[in-house]
PDB file of N, CA and C in Angstrom:
ATOM      1  N   MET A   1     142.505 108.256  96.591  1.00  0.00           N
ATOM      2  CA  MET A   1     143.032 108.016  95.149  1.00  0.00           C
ATOM      3  C   MET A   1     143.216 106.935  94.197  1.00  0.00           C
ATOM      4  N   LYS A   2     144.028 105.411  95.748  1.00  0.00           N
ATOM      5  CA  LYS A   2     143.253 104.186  94.744  1.00  0.00           C
ATOM      6  C   LYS A   2     142.323 103.788  95.968  1.00  0.00           C
ATOM      7  N   GLY A   3     141.616 104.417  96.620  1.00  0.00           N
ATOM      8  CA  GLY A   3     140.906 103.451  97.924  1.00  0.00           C
ATOM      9  C   GLY A   3     139.025 104.161  96.792  1.00  0.00           C
ATOM     10  N   PHE A   4     139.500 105.397  96.057  1.00  0.00           N
ATOM     11  CA  PHE A   4     138.474 105.920  95.396  1.00  0.00           C
ATOM     12  C   PHE A   4     138.223 104.401  93.962  1.00  0.00           C
ATOM     13  N   ALA A   5     139.416 104.228  93.681  1.00  0.00           N
ATOM     14  CA  ALA A   5     139.239 103.824  91.951  1.00  0.00           C
ATOM     15  C   ALA A   5     138.394 101.965  92.471  1.00  0.00           C
ATOM     16  N   VAL A   6     139.221 101.321  94.026  1.00  0.00           N
ATOM     17  CA  VAL A   6     138.296 100.549  94.233  1.00  0.00           C
ATOM     18  C   VAL A   6     137.171 100.484  94.409  1.00  0.00           C
ATOM     19  N   ILE A   7     136.529 101.560  95.340  1.00  0.00           N
ATOM     20  CA  ILE A   7     135.041 101.402  94.865  1.00  0.00           C
ATOM     21  C   ILE A   7     134.409 102.101  94.221  1.00  0.00           C
ATOM     22  N   LEU A   8     135.168 102.678  93.153  1.00  0.00           N
ATOM     23  CA  LEU A   8     134.673 102.366  92.305  1.00  0.00           C
ATOM     24  C   LEU A   8     134.179 101.394  91.089  1.00  0.00           C
ATOM     25  N   LEU A   9     135.336  99.879  91.422  1.00  0.00           N
ATOM     26  CA  LEU A   9     135.296  99.049  90.992  1.00  0.00           C
ATOM     27  C   LEU A   9     133.887  98.123  91.292  1.00  0.00           C
ATOM     28  N   VAL A  10     134.007  97.664  92.948  1.00  0.00           N
ATOM     29  CA  VAL A  10     133.174  97.528  93.437  1.00  0.00           C
ATOM     30  C   VAL A  10     131.102  97.513  93.182  1.00  0.00           C
ATOM     31  N   VAL A  11     131.569  99.319  92.656  1.00  0.00           N
ATOM     32  CA  VAL A  11     129.745  99.656  92.495  1.00  0.00           C
ATOM     33  C   VAL A  11     129.558  99.135  91.163  1.00  0.00           C
ATOM     34  N   VAL A  12     130.732  99.336  90.159  1.00  0.00           N
ATOM     35  CA  VAL A  12     130.193  98.750  88.521  1.00  0.00           C
ATOM     36  C   VAL A  12     130.096  96.530  89.094  1.00  0.00           C
ATOM     37  N   ALA A  13     130.965  95.983  89.611  1.00  0.00           N
ATOM     38  CA  ALA A  13     130.737  95.108  89.797  1.00  0.00           C
ATOM     39  C   ALA A  13     129.209  94.823  90.321  1.00  0.00           C
ATOM     40  N   ILE A  14     128.969  95.828  91.262  1.00  0.00           N
ATOM     41  CA  ILE A  14     127.256  95.748  91.366  1.00  0.00           C
ATOM     42  C   ILE A  14     126.578  95.484  90.693  1.00  0.00           C
ATOM     43  N   VAL A  15     126.705  96.587  90.031  1.00  0.00           N
ATOM     44  CA  VAL A  15     125.628  96.823  88.801  1.00  0.00           C
ATOM     45  C   VAL A  15     125.779  96.085  87.798  1.00  0.00           C
ATOM     46  N   GLN A  16     126.415  95.404  87.594  1.00  0.00           N
ATOM     47  CA  GLN A  16     126.495  94.007  86.365  1.00  0.00           C
ATOM     48  C   GLN A  16     125.939  93.380  87.103  1.00  0.00           C
ATOM     49  N   LEU A  17     126.135  92.569  88.512  1.00  0.00           N
ATOM     50  CA  LEU A  17     125.140  91.710  89.012  1.00  0.00           C
ATOM     51  C   LEU A  17     123.131  91.656  88.089  1.00  0.00           C
ATOM     52  N   PHE A  18     122.650  92.866  88.865  1.00  0.00           N
ATOM     53  CA  PHE A  18     121.996  93.336  87.941  1.00  0.00           C
ATOM     54  C   PHE A  18     121.280  93.990  87.045  1.00  0.00           C
ATOM     55  N   MET A  19     121.830  93.298  86.191  1.00  0.00           N
ATOM     56  CA  MET A  19     121.970  93.893  84.585  1.00  0.00           C
ATOM     57  C   MET A  19     121.829  92.245  84.407  1.00  0.00           C
ATOM     58  N   ALA A  20     120.948  92.735  83.459  1.00  0.00           N
ATOM     59  CA  ALA A  20     120.129  91.223  81.744  1.00  0.00           C
ATOM     60  C   ALA A  20     121.600  90.794  81.406  1.00  0.00           C
ATOM     61  N   LYS A  21     121.932  90.385  80.902  1.00  0.00           N
ATOM     62  CA  LYS A  21     122.577  90.376  79.548  1.00  0.00           C
ATOM     63  C   LYS A  21     121.997  89.541  78.507  1.00  0.00           C
ATOM     64  N   PRO A  22     122.507  90.379  77.719  1.00  0.00           N
ATOM     65  CA  PRO A  22     122.191  89.285  75.907  1.00  0.00           C
ATOM     66  C   PRO A  22     122.191  88.031  76.339  1.00  0.00           C
ATOM     67  N   GLY A  23     120.821  87.369  76.445  1.00  0.00           N
ATOM     68  CA  GLY A  23     121.194  86.369  75.664  1.00  0.00           C
ATOM     69  C   GLY A  23     119.995  85.228  77.194  1.00  0.00           C
ATOM     70  N   GLU A  24     120.678  86.001  78.149  1.00  0.00           N
ATOM     71  CA  GLU A  24     119.613  85.754  79.622  1.00  0.00           C
ATOM     72  C   GLU A  24     118.638  85.828  80.396  1.00  0.00           C
ATOM     73  N   ALA A  25     117.868  85.312  80.861  1.00  0.00           N
ATOM     74  CA  ALA A  25     116.287  85.152  81.071  1.00  0.00           C
ATOM     75  C   ALA A  25     116.766  86.542  82.267  1.00  0.00           C
ATOM     76  N   VAL A  26     115.571  87.745  81.753  1.00  0.00           N
ATOM     77  CA  VAL A  26     116.024  88.781  83.397  1.00  0.00           C
ATOM     78  C   VAL A  26     115.039  88.171  84.805  1.00  0.00           C
ATOM     79  N   SER A  27     114.945  88.035  85.868  1.00  0.00           N
ATOM     80  CA  SER A  27     115.404  87.672  86.805  1.00  0.00           C
ATOM     81  C   SER A  27     114.229  88.873  87.638  1.00  0.00           C
ATOM     82  N   CYS A  28     113.476  88.011  88.763  1.00  0.00           N
ATOM     83  CA  CYS A  28     112.644  88.821  89.938  1.00  0.00           C
ATOM     84  C   CYS A  28     113.553  90.136  90.849  1.00  0.00           C
ATOM     85  N   GLY A  29     114.493  89.889  91.244  1.00  0.00           N
ATOM     86  CA  GLY A  29     115.401  90.235  91.489  1.00  0.00           C
ATOM     87  C   GLY A  29     115.866  92.341  90.651  1.00  0.00           C
ATOM     88  N   GLN A  30     115.638  91.479  89.702  1.00  0.00           N
ATOM     89  CA  GLN A  30     116.808  92.408  88.251  1.00  0.00           C
ATOM     90  C   GLN A  30     115.134  93.653  88.296  1.00  0.00           C
ATOM     91  N   VAL A  31     113.649  92.903  88.188  1.00  0.00           N
ATOM     92  CA  VAL A  31     112.605  93.612  87.977  1.00  0.00           C
ATOM     93  C   VAL A  31     112.562  94.244  88.801  1.00  0.00           C
ATOM     94  N   GLU A  32     112.641  94.476  90.191  1.00  0.00           N
ATOM     95  CA  GLU A  32     112.206  94.080  91.430  1.00  0.00           C
ATOM     96  C   GLU A  32     113.126  95.909  91.686  1.00  0.00           C
ATOM     97  N   SER A  33     114.669  95.408  91.429  1.00  0.00           N
ATOM     98  CA  SER A  33     115.436  96.314  91.391  1.00  0.00           C
ATOM     99  C   SER A  33     115.490  97.645  90.635  1.00  0.00           C
ATOM    100  N   GLN A  34     114.923  97.373  89.121  1.00  0.00           N
ATOM    101  CA  GLN A  34     114.834  98.478  88.850  1.00  0.00           C
ATOM    102  C   GLN A  34     113.448  99.562  88.795  1.00  0.00           C
ATOM    103  N   ILE A  35     112.254  98.564  89.788  1.00  0.00           N
ATOM    104  CA  ILE A  35     111.021  99.197  89.884  1.00  0.00           C
ATOM    105  C   ILE A  35     111.740 100.400  91.466  1.00  0.00           C
ATOM    106  N   SER A  36     111.833  99.641  91.925  1.00  0.00           N
ATOM    107  CA  SER A  36     111.814  99.639  93.266  1.00  0.00           C
ATOM    108  C   SER A  36     111.897 101.392  93.701  1.00  0.00           C
ATOM    109  N   PRO A  37     112.718 102.275  93.105  1.00  0.00           N
ATOM    110  CA  PRO A  37     112.648 103.493  93.200  1.00  0.00           C
ATOM    111  C   PRO A  37     111.292 104.298  92.028  1.00  0.00           C
ATOM    112  N   CYS A  38     110.470 103.237  92.200  1.00  0.00           N
ATOM    113  CA  CYS A  38     109.336 104.492  91.710  1.00  0.00           C
ATOM    114  C   CYS A  38     107.933 103.800  92.953  1.00  0.00           C
ATOM    115  N   LEU A  39     108.078 103.104  94.245  1.00  0.00           N
ATOM    116  CA  LEU A  39     107.396 102.719  95.248  1.00  0.00           C
ATOM    117  C   LEU A  39     106.271 104.124  95.205  1.00  0.00           C
ATOM    118  N   THR A  40     107.184 105.245  95.398  1.00  0.00           N
ATOM    119  CA  THR A  40     106.777 106.664  95.825  1.00  0.00           C
ATOM    120  C   THR A  40     105.539 106.878  94.928  1.00  0.00           C
ATOM    121  N   TYR A  41     105.907 107.246  93.492  1.00  0.00           N
ATOM    122  CA  TYR A  41     104.917 107.395  93.010  1.00  0.00           C
ATOM    123  C   TYR A  41     104.083 106.870  92.404  1.00  0.00           C
ATOM    124  N   LEU A  42     104.256 106.007  92.456  1.00  0.00           N
ATOM    125  CA  LEU A  42     103.299 104.054  92.263  1.00  0.00           C
ATOM    126  C   LEU A  42     102.160 103.973  93.733  1.00  0.00           C
ATOM    127  N   SER A  43     102.388 104.564  94.592  1.00  0.00           N
ATOM    128  CA  SER A  43     101.978 104.215  95.271  1.00  0.00           C
ATOM    129  C   SER A  43     100.903 105.784  96.326  1.00  0.00           C
ATOM    130  N   GLN A  44     101.320 107.574  95.676  1.00  0.00           N
ATOM    131  CA  GLN A  44     101.327 108.307  95.139  1.00  0.00           C
ATOM    132  C   GLN A  44     100.554 108.944  94.469  1.00  0.00           C
ATOM    133  N   GLY A  45     101.102 109.051  93.089  1.00  0.00           N
ATOM    134  CA  GLY A  45     100.868 109.267  91.716  1.00  0.00           C
ATOM    135  C   GLY A  45     101.379 110.051  91.791  1.00  0.00           C
ATOM    136  N   GLY A  46     101.477 111.854  91.517  1.00  0.00           N
ATOM    137  CA  GLY A  46     101.920 113.083  90.949  1.00  0.00           C
ATOM    138  C   GLY A  46     103.021 112.828  89.953  1.00  0.00           C
ATOM    139  N   THR A  47     104.127 112.715  89.828  1.00  0.00           N
ATOM    140  CA  THR A  47     105.448 112.499  88.563  1.00  0.00           C
ATOM    141  C   THR A  47     106.368 111.633  88.624  1.00  0.00           C
ATOM    142  N   PRO A  48     107.243 110.532  88.768  1.00  0.00           N
ATOM    143  CA  PRO A  48     108.170 110.052  88.229  1.00  0.00           C
ATOM    144  C   PRO A  48     108.940 110.790  88.752  1.00  0.00           C
ATOM    145  N   SER A  49     109.643 110.065  89.709  1.00  0.00           N
ATOM    146  CA  SER A  49     111.984 110.462  89.849  1.00  0.00           C
ATOM    147  C   SER A  49     113.128 110.068  88.541  1.00  0.00           C
ATOM    148  N   ALA A  50     113.671 110.579  88.304  1.00  0.00           N
ATOM    149  CA  ALA A  50     114.018 110.763  87.428  1.00  0.00           C
ATOM    150  C   ALA A  50     114.523 109.137  87.797  1.00  0.00           C
ATOM    151  N   SER A  51     115.462 109.098  88.783  1.00  0.00           N
ATOM    152  CA  SER A  51     115.576 107.515  89.566  1.00  0.00           C
ATOM    153  C   SER A  51     114.779 106.644  89.065  1.00  0.00           C
ATOM    154  N   CYS A  52     112.995 106.544  88.780  1.00  0.00           N
ATOM    155  CA  CYS A  52     112.491 105.804  88.412  1.00  0.00           C
ATOM    156  C   CYS A  52     112.226 106.234  86.702  1.00  0.00           C
ATOM    157  N   CYS A  53     112.552 106.894  86.498  1.00  0.00           N
ATOM    158  CA  CYS A  53     112.101 106.671  85.450  1.00  0.00           C
ATOM    159  C   CYS A  53     113.605 106.306  84.547  1.00  0.00           C
ATOM    160  N   GLY A  54     114.751 106.247  85.401  1.00  0.00           N
ATOM    161  CA  GLY A  54     115.930 105.820  85.248  1.00  0.00           C
ATOM    162  C   GLY A  54     114.999 104.063  85.137  1.00  0.00           C
ATOM    163  N   GLY A  55     115.178 103.856  85.758  1.00  0.00           N
ATOM    164  CA  GLY A  55     114.524 101.898  86.266  1.00  0.00           C
ATOM    165  C   GLY A  55     113.823 101.166  84.874  1.00  0.00           C
ATOM    166  N   VAL A  56     113.405 102.130  84.925  1.00  0.00           N
ATOM    167  CA  VAL A  56     111.808 101.784  84.353  1.00  0.00           C
ATOM    168  C   VAL A  56     112.615 101.593  82.502  1.00  0.00           C
ATOM    169  N   LYS A  57     112.916 102.702  82.205  1.00  0.00           N
ATOM    170  CA  LYS A  57     113.993 102.693  81.043  1.00  0.00           C
ATOM    171  C   LYS A  57     114.520 101.443  80.855  1.00  0.00           C
ATOM    172  N   SER A  58     115.915 100.936  81.627  1.00  0.00           N
ATOM    173  CA  SER A  58     116.329 100.022  81.724  1.00  0.00           C
ATOM    174  C   SER A  58     115.265  99.083  82.026  1.00  0.00           C
ATOM    175  N   LEU A  59     114.480  98.887  83.156  1.00  0.00           N
ATOM    176  CA  LEU A  59     113.894  97.020  82.678  1.00  0.00           C
ATOM    177  C   LEU A  59     113.603  97.218  81.419  1.00  0.00           C
ATOM    178  N   SER A  60     112.894  98.061  80.468  1.00  0.00           N
ATOM    179  CA  SER A  60     112.328  98.573  79.295  1.00  0.00           C
ATOM    180  C   SER A  60     114.101  97.447  77.758  1.00  0.00           C
ATOM    181  N   GLN A  61     114.856  98.324  77.963  1.00  0.00           N
ATOM    182  CA  GLN A  61     116.019  97.974  77.248  1.00  0.00           C
ATOM    183  C   GLN A  61     115.875  95.748  77.567  1.00  0.00           C
ATOM    184  N   SER A  62     115.582  95.697  79.295  1.00  0.00           N
ATOM    185  CA  SER A  62     116.405  94.118  79.678  1.00  0.00           C
ATOM    186  C   SER A  62     115.216  93.778  78.713  1.00  0.00           C
ATOM    187  N   LEU A  63     114.021  93.855  78.252  1.00  0.00           N
ATOM    188  CA  LEU A  63     112.965  92.843  77.681  1.00  0.00           C
ATOM    189  C   LEU A  63     112.862  92.710  76.359  1.00  0.00           C
ATOM    190  N   GLN A  64     113.602  92.096  76.319  1.00  0.00           N
ATOM    191  CA  GLN A  64     114.136  91.567  74.360  1.00  0.00           C
ATOM    192  C   GLN A  64     113.413  90.607  73.625  1.00  0.00           C
ATOM    193  N   THR A  65     112.695  89.066  74.609  1.00  0.00           N
ATOM    194  CA  THR A  65     112.443  88.565  74.270  1.00  0.00           C
ATOM    195  C   THR A  65     110.283  88.086  74.863  1.00  0.00           C
ATOM    196  N   LYS A  66     109.893  87.439  74.255  1.00  0.00           N
ATOM    197  CA  LYS A  66     108.466  87.270  74.754  1.00  0.00           C
ATOM    198  C   LYS A  66     109.155  86.663  75.948  1.00  0.00           C
ATOM    199  N   GLN A  67     110.147  85.799  76.484  1.00  0.00           N
ATOM    200  CA  GLN A  67     110.148  85.121  78.024  1.00  0.00           C
ATOM    201  C   GLN A  67     110.315  86.282  78.837  1.00  0.00           C
ATOM    202  N   ASP A  68     110.946  87.304  78.053  1.00  0.00           N
ATOM    203  CA  ASP A  68     112.175  88.313  78.825  1.00  0.00           C
ATOM    204  C   ASP A  68     110.231  89.407  79.143  1.00  0.00           C
ATOM    205  N   ARG A  69     109.176  89.339  79.037  1.00  0.00           N
ATOM    206  CA  ARG A  69     108.319  90.198  78.884  1.00  0.00           C
ATOM    207  C   ARG A  69     107.249  89.528  80.336  1.00  0.00           C
ATOM    208  N   GLN A  70     106.882  87.724  80.087  1.00  0.00           N
ATOM    209  CA  GLN A  70     106.792  86.986  80.645  1.00  0.00           C
ATOM    210  C   GLN A  70     106.586  86.997  81.867  1.00  0.00           C
ATOM    211  N   THR A  71     108.212  86.335  82.260  1.00  0.00           N
ATOM    212  CA  THR A  71     108.806  86.641  84.024  1.00  0.00           C
ATOM    213  C   THR A  71     108.655  88.079  84.387  1.00  0.00           C
ATOM    214  N   ALA A  72     109.564  89.069  83.649  1.00  0.00           N
ATOM    215  CA  ALA A  72     108.924  90.558  84.004  1.00  0.00           C
ATOM    216  C   ALA A  72     107.301  90.905  84.569  1.00  0.00           C
ATOM    217  N   CYS A  73     106.393  89.981  83.224  1.00  0.00           N
ATOM    218  CA  CYS A  73     104.909  90.166  83.951  1.00  0.00           C
ATOM    219  C   CYS A  73     104.645  89.388  85.232  1.00  0.00           C
ATOM    220  N   GLY A  74     105.327  88.392  85.504  1.00  0.00           N
ATOM    221  CA  GLY A  74     104.880  87.566  86.496  1.00  0.00           C
ATOM    222  C   GLY A  74     105.608  88.267  87.505  1.00  0.00           C
ATOM    223  N   CYS A  75     106.402  89.129  87.180  1.00  0.00           N
ATOM    224  CA  CYS A  75     107.137  89.816  88.926  1.00  0.00           C
ATOM    225  C   CYS A  75     106.873  90.787  89.097  1.00  0.00           C
ATOM    226  N   LEU A  76     106.031  92.057  88.349  1.00  0.00           N
ATOM    227  CA  LEU A  76     105.382  92.767  88.390  1.00  0.00           C
ATOM    228  C   LEU A  76     103.750  92.327  89.139  1.00  0.00           C
ATOM    229  N   LYS A  77     103.269  91.731  88.715  1.00  0.00           N
ATOM    230  CA  LYS A  77     102.137  91.399  88.936  1.00  0.00           C
ATOM    231  C   LYS A  77     102.109  90.647  90.897  1.00  0.00           C
ATOM    232  N   THR A  78     103.674  90.084  90.739  1.00  0.00           N
ATOM    233  CA  THR A  78     103.459  89.257  92.620  1.00  0.00           C
ATOM    234  C   THR A  78     104.164  90.746  93.090  1.00  0.00           C
ATOM    235  N   ALA A  79     104.742  91.573  92.580  1.00  0.00           N
ATOM    236  CA  ALA A  79     105.127  93.024  93.804  1.00  0.00           C
ATOM    237  C   ALA A  79     104.169  93.595  93.441  1.00  0.00           C
ATOM    238  N   ALA A  80     103.087  94.048  92.459  1.00  0.00           N
ATOM    239  CA  ALA A  80     102.061  94.341  92.645  1.00  0.00           C
ATOM    240  C   ALA A  80     101.115  93.765  93.790  1.00  0.00           C
ATOM    241  N   SER A  81     101.342  92.787  93.729  1.00  0.00           N
ATOM    242  CA  SER A  81     100.202  92.233  94.782  1.00  0.00           C
ATOM    243  C   SER A  81     100.602  92.159  96.129  1.00  0.00           C
ATOM    244  N   ARG A  82     101.343  92.714  96.105  1.00  0.00           N
ATOM    245  CA  ARG A  82     102.047  93.184  97.723  1.00  0.00           C
ATOM    246  C   ARG A  82     102.349  94.358  98.195  1.00  0.00           C
ATOM    247  N   TYR A  83     101.916  95.418  97.693  1.00  0.00           N
ATOM    248  CA  TYR A  83     101.319  96.811  97.659  1.00  0.00           C
ATOM    249  C   TYR A  83      99.932  97.384  97.768  1.00  0.00           C
ATOM    250  N   PRO A  84      99.041  96.994  98.749  1.00  0.00           N
ATOM    251  CA  PRO A  84      97.829  96.921  98.365  1.00  0.00           C
ATOM    252  C   PRO A  84      97.035  98.994  98.221  1.00  0.00           C
ATOM    253  N   ASN A  85      98.394  99.604  98.779  1.00  0.00           N
ATOM    254  CA  ASN A  85      97.887 101.053  98.050  1.00  0.00           C
ATOM    255  C   ASN A  85      99.062 101.247  96.727  1.00  0.00           C
ATOM    256  N   LEU A  86      99.601 100.270  96.264  1.00  0.00           N
ATOM    257  CA  LEU A  86      99.536 100.518  94.741  1.00  0.00           C
ATOM    258  C   LEU A  86      98.018 101.642  94.136  1.00  0.00           C
ATOM    259  N   LYS A  87      98.418 102.806  93.267  1.00  0.00           N
ATOM    260  CA  LYS A  87      97.501 103.267  92.465  1.00  0.00           C
ATOM    261  C   LYS A  87      97.779 103.250  90.989  1.00  0.00           C
ATOM    262  N   GLN A  88      96.666 102.320  90.727  1.00  0.00           N
ATOM    263  CA  GLN A  88      96.405 101.367  89.177  1.00  0.00           C
ATOM    264  C   GLN A  88      96.614 102.371  88.845  1.00  0.00           C
ATOM    265  N   ASP A  89      96.015 103.756  88.060  1.00  0.00           N
ATOM    266  CA  ASP A  89      96.228 104.709  87.640  1.00  0.00           C
ATOM    267  C   ASP A  89      97.760 104.971  87.387  1.00  0.00           C
ATOM    268  N   ALA A  90      97.677 105.663  88.113  1.00  0.00           N
ATOM    269  CA  ALA A  90     100.133 105.584  88.156  1.00  0.00           C
ATOM    270  C   ALA A  90     100.677 105.038  87.877  1.00  0.00           C
ATOM    271  N   ALA A  91     100.217 103.387  87.787  1.00  0.00           N
ATOM    272  CA  ALA A  91     101.174 101.873  87.620  1.00  0.00           C
ATOM    273  C   ALA A  91     100.610 102.039  85.982  1.00  0.00           C
ATOM    274  N   SER A  92      99.640 102.282  85.280  1.00  0.00           N
ATOM    275  CA  SER A  92      99.129 102.323  84.142  1.00  0.00           C
ATOM    276  C   SER A  92      99.856 103.138  82.854  1.00  0.00           C
ATOM    277  N   GLN A  93     100.474 103.868  83.967  1.00  0.00           N
ATOM    278  CA  GLN A  93     100.483 105.145  82.953  1.00  0.00           C
ATOM    279  C   GLN A  93     102.397 105.733  83.323  1.00  0.00           C
ATOM    280  N   LEU A  94     102.830 104.881  83.773  1.00  0.00           N
ATOM    281  CA  LEU A  94     103.721 104.520  84.435  1.00  0.00           C
ATOM    282  C   LEU A  94     105.020 104.714  83.256  1.00  0.00           C
ATOM    283  N   PRO A  95     105.266 103.400  81.994  1.00  0.00           N
ATOM    284  CA  PRO A  95     106.002 103.908  81.186  1.00  0.00           C
ATOM    285  C   PRO A  95     105.908 105.131  80.175  1.00  0.00           C
ATOM    286  N   SER A  96     104.466 104.988  80.066  1.00  0.00           N
ATOM    287  CA  SER A  96     104.564 106.644  79.141  1.00  0.00           C
ATOM    288  C   SER A  96     104.997 107.939  79.607  1.00  0.00           C
ATOM    289  N   LYS A  97     105.266 107.761  81.356  1.00  0.00           N
ATOM    290  CA  LYS A  97     105.479 109.074  81.312  1.00  0.00           C
ATOM    291  C   LYS A  97     106.644 108.741  81.869  1.00  0.00           C
ATOM    292  N   CYS A  98     107.372 107.873  81.591  1.00  0.00           N
ATOM    293  CA  CYS A  98     108.873 107.964  81.836  1.00  0.00           C
ATOM    294  C   CYS A  98     109.253 108.281  80.221  1.00  0.00           C
ATOM    295  N   GLY A  99     108.615 107.835  78.478  1.00  0.00           N
ATOM    296  CA  GLY A  99     108.820 107.948  78.224  1.00  0.00           C
ATOM    297  C   GLY A  99     109.091 106.329  76.886  1.00  0.00           C
ATOM    298  N   VAL A 100     108.536 105.929  77.302  1.00  0.00           N
ATOM    299  CA  VAL A 100     109.281 104.408  77.406  1.00  0.00           C
ATOM    300  C   VAL A 100     107.504 103.379  77.234  1.00  0.00           C
ATOM    301  N   THR A 101     108.037 101.963  76.649  1.00  0.00           N
ATOM    302  CA  THR A 101     106.945 101.276  76.683  1.00  0.00           C
ATOM    303  C   THR A 101     107.448  99.990  77.134  1.00  0.00           C
ATOM    304  N   ILE A 102     106.589  99.164  77.989  1.00  0.00           N
ATOM    305  CA  ILE A 102     107.949  97.755  78.691  1.00  0.00           C
ATOM    306  C   ILE A 102     107.156  96.770  77.997  1.00  0.00           C
ATOM    307  N   GLY A 103     105.916  97.245  77.912  1.00  0.00           N
ATOM    308  CA  GLY A 103     104.865  95.915  76.904  1.00  0.00           C
ATOM    309  C   GLY A 103     104.815  94.962  77.511  1.00  0.00           C
ATOM    310  N   VAL A 104     104.236  95.830  79.167  1.00  0.00           N
ATOM    311  CA  VAL A 104     104.122  94.247  80.121  1.00  0.00           C
ATOM    312  C   VAL A 104     103.435  95.678  81.033  1.00  0.00           C
ATOM    313  N   PRO A 105     102.438  94.983  81.355  1.00  0.00           N
ATOM    314  CA  PRO A 105     101.570  96.004  82.581  1.00  0.00           C
ATOM    315  C   PRO A 105     101.864  95.898  84.041  1.00  0.00           C
ATOM    316  N   ILE A 106     101.759  96.359  85.059  1.00  0.00           N
ATOM    317  CA  ILE A 106     101.903  96.749  85.838  1.00  0.00           C
ATOM    318  C   ILE A 106     101.124  96.337  87.398  1.00  0.00           C
ATOM    319  N   SER A 107     100.439  95.677  87.227  1.00  0.00           N
ATOM    320  CA  SER A 107      99.096  94.836  87.788  1.00  0.00           C
ATOM    321  C   SER A 107      98.452  93.717  88.450  1.00  0.00           C
ATOM    322  N   PRO A 108      98.351  93.912  89.439  1.00  0.00           N
ATOM    323  CA  PRO A 108      97.999  92.716  90.250  1.00  0.00           C
ATOM    324  C   PRO A 108      97.200  91.334  89.838  1.00  0.00           C
ATOM    325  N   THR A 109      96.458  91.282  88.772  1.00  0.00           N
ATOM    326  CA  THR A 109      95.329  90.981  88.123  1.00  0.00           C
ATOM    327  C   THR A 109      95.849  91.149  86.523  1.00  0.00           C
ATOM    328  N   VAL A 110      96.959  91.229  86.100  1.00  0.00           N
ATOM    329  CA  VAL A 110      97.276  90.431  84.908  1.00  0.00           C
ATOM    330  C   VAL A 110      97.519  89.341  84.683  1.00  0.00           C
ATOM    331  N   ASP A 111      97.428  89.078  83.416  1.00  0.00           N
ATOM    332  CA  ASP A 111      97.823  87.150  82.936  1.00  0.00           C
ATOM    333  C   ASP A 111      98.812  87.487  81.446  1.00  0.00           C
ATOM    334  N   CYS A 112      99.237  87.124  82.708  1.00  0.00           N
ATOM    335  CA  CYS A 112     100.923  87.483  81.638  1.00  0.00           C
ATOM    336  C   CYS A 112     101.012  86.162  81.075  1.00  0.00           C
ATOM    337  N   SER A 113     100.598  85.025  80.905  1.00  0.00           N
ATOM    338  CA  SER A 113     100.549  84.376  79.874  1.00  0.00           C
ATOM    339  C   SER A 113      99.757  84.812  78.174  1.00  0.00           C
ATOM    340  N   LYS A 114      99.856  86.295  78.557  1.00  0.00           N
ATOM    341  CA  LYS A 114      98.483  86.990  77.098  1.00  0.00           C
ATOM    342  C   LYS A 114      99.822  88.102  76.921  1.00  0.00           C
ATOM    343  N   ILE A 115     100.616  88.060  77.862  1.00  0.00           N
ATOM    344  CA  ILE A 115     102.181  89.330  76.964  1.00  0.00           C
ATOM    345  C   ILE A 115     102.667  88.384  75.611  1.00  0.00           C
ATOM    346  N   SER A 116     102.794  89.608  74.883  1.00  0.00           N
ATOM    347  CA  SER A 116     102.676  88.620  73.179  1.00  0.00           C
ATOM    348  C   SER A 116     104.111  89.079  72.870  1.00  0.00           C
ATOM    349  N   GLN A 117     104.307  89.353  71.542  1.00  0.00           N
ATOM    350  CA  GLN A 117     105.420  89.921  71.083  1.00  0.00           C
ATOM    351  C   GLN A 117     106.834  90.596  72.183  1.00  0.00           C
TER     352      GLN A 117
END
């Protein structure tokens, strides 16, 4: 039982490393870790998995400011350009399929400086 408690504490500590805290800027590492469960959906389409939608919802909650959204936009733009088989229609529909709005398109061609509010 003691070993389980130690493992649980380590997992909680790792999760906290990836969570944006209020007042702190979001990082590309956080954005990519939250979106990584969506790679299958983004390349094949269909229905996003529960873990994918969980990541998208977490990302949505961490984007509190215009600067957060612009940073996330740049991260997503860079990540999208690394995947030539990205289905643009799947990417644009991802937030709505997960029931959230993130205010940031997932596209290799977006102009992140135009992200507002």
